[in-house]
Amino acid sequence: MAKRRILKKEIGYTAGNLFLEAMFCKLYLPGTNPEAADSIMARILDMQDNFICRAGKPDGKDNAKLVKAYYKKLREDLQKEIDAIATEIGELNK
């Protein structure tokens, strides 16, 4: 149970950092499209909610192999989403 709690905290921490980065771009960097920054921030919040919900409800609770595969896929999906959002944040000021 503790690892699930740590995973949820990591998701929240990462989402918070991404949100802060998008907010910084919106408020302090000239030439940033505020509507694009708002949509990225909304996407970050949706991502956080989605992955925290997924972390709390693994498939196949009785089978350890299924649970391990579930969390491995969850982490891979999370990393892909983080990379995609970070790329969008990087392109905000271009």
Protein backbone atom coordinates (compact mmCIF):
# COMPACT_ATOMS: atom_id res chain seq x y z
CA MET A 1 0.00 0.00 0.00
CA ALA A 2 2.85 2.40 0.73
CA LYS A 3 4.18 2.19 -2.82
CA ARG A 4 0.79 3.15 -4.21
CA ARG A 5 0.74 6.16 -1.90
CA ILE A 6 4.24 7.16 -3.03
CA LEU A 7 3.23 6.78 -6.69
CA LYS A 8 0.24 9.07 -6.15
CA LYS A 9 2.47 11.65 -4.48
CA GLU A 10 4.96 11.47 -7.37
CA ILE A 11 2.15 12.01 -9.86
CA GLY A 12 0.93 15.04 -7.91
CA TYR A 13 4.42 16.45 -7.55
CA THR A 14 5.20 16.07 -11.26
CA ALA A 15 1.86 17.55 -12.29
CA GLY A 16 2.45 20.47 -9.95
CA ASN A 17 5.85 21.16 -11.49
CA LEU A 18 4.44 21.03 -15.01
CA PHE A 19 1.57 23.31 -14.01
CA LEU A 20 3.99 25.77 -12.44
CA GLU A 21 6.11 25.76 -15.60
CA ALA A 22 3.06 26.50 -17.78
CA MET A 23 1.89 29.22 -15.40
CA PHE A 24 5.34 30.82 -15.45
CA CYS A 25 5.35 30.85 -19.25
CA LYS A 26 1.89 32.39 -19.34
CA LEU A 27 2.59 35.13 -16.81
CA TYR A 28 6.22 36.08 -17.28
CA LEU A 29 7.38 35.26 -20.79
CA PRO A 30 6.39 37.81 -23.40
CA GLY A 31 4.90 36.46 -26.58
CA THR A 32 3.26 33.45 -24.94
CA ASN A 33 -0.22 32.58 -26.14
CA PRO A 34 -2.38 32.65 -22.96
CA GLU A 35 -5.11 30.45 -24.45
CA ALA A 36 -2.58 27.75 -25.32
CA ALA A 37 -1.12 27.95 -21.82
CA ASP A 38 -4.60 27.62 -20.32
CA SER A 39 -5.33 24.53 -22.41
CA ILE A 40 -2.02 22.97 -21.35
CA MET A 41 -2.78 23.68 -17.69
CA ALA A 42 -6.21 22.07 -18.08
CA ARG A 43 -4.57 19.05 -19.72
CA ILE A 44 -2.13 18.77 -16.80
CA LEU A 45 -4.98 18.76 -14.28
CA ASP A 46 -6.88 16.14 -16.28
CA MET A 47 -3.71 14.03 -16.51
CA GLN A 48 -3.20 14.24 -12.76
CA ASP A 49 -6.77 13.18 -11.99
CA ASN A 50 -6.66 10.37 -14.52
CA PHE A 51 -3.40 8.85 -13.34
CA ILE A 52 -4.17 9.15 -9.63
CA CYS A 53 -7.46 7.33 -10.23
CA ARG A 54 -5.68 4.67 -12.26
CA ALA A 55 -3.03 4.23 -9.56
CA GLY A 56 -5.69 3.49 -6.96
CA LYS A 57 -7.50 0.78 -8.90
CA PRO A 58 -5.18 -1.89 -10.34
CA ASP A 59 -6.47 -4.76 -12.46
CA GLY A 60 -6.28 -8.32 -11.13
CA LYS A 61 -5.71 -7.62 -7.44
CA ASP A 62 -5.27 -11.33 -6.67
CA ASN A 63 -2.59 -11.96 -9.29
CA ALA A 64 0.75 -10.30 -8.51
CA LYS A 65 1.97 -10.56 -12.11
CA LEU A 66 -1.07 -8.70 -13.43
CA VAL A 67 -0.67 -5.97 -10.82
CA LYS A 68 3.03 -5.58 -11.62
CA ALA A 69 2.29 -5.36 -15.35
CA TYR A 70 -0.51 -2.87 -14.66
CA TYR A 71 1.76 -0.51 -12.74
CA LYS A 72 4.55 -0.89 -15.29
CA LYS A 73 2.15 0.17 -18.05
CA LEU A 74 0.84 2.99 -15.85
CA ARG A 75 4.35 4.38 -15.37
CA GLU A 76 5.09 4.10 -19.11
CA ASP A 77 1.86 5.94 -19.98
CA LEU A 78 2.61 8.59 -17.38
CA GLN A 79 6.10 9.17 -18.76
CA LYS A 80 4.76 9.49 -22.32
CA GLU A 81 2.15 12.01 -21.19
CA ILE A 82 4.71 14.01 -19.19
CA ASP A 83 7.05 14.13 -22.19
CA ALA A 84 4.23 15.28 -24.49
CA ILE A 85 3.15 18.02 -22.08
CA ALA A 86 6.76 19.17 -21.53
CA THR A 87 7.20 19.44 -25.30
CA GLU A 88 4.03 21.56 -25.56
CA ILE A 89 5.25 23.82 -22.75
CA GLY A 90 8.57 24.23 -24.56
CA GLU A 91 6.77 25.31 -27.71
CA LEU A 92 4.59 27.90 -25.95
CA ASN A 93 7.06 30.71 -26.42
CA LYS A 94 7.99 30.02 -30.03
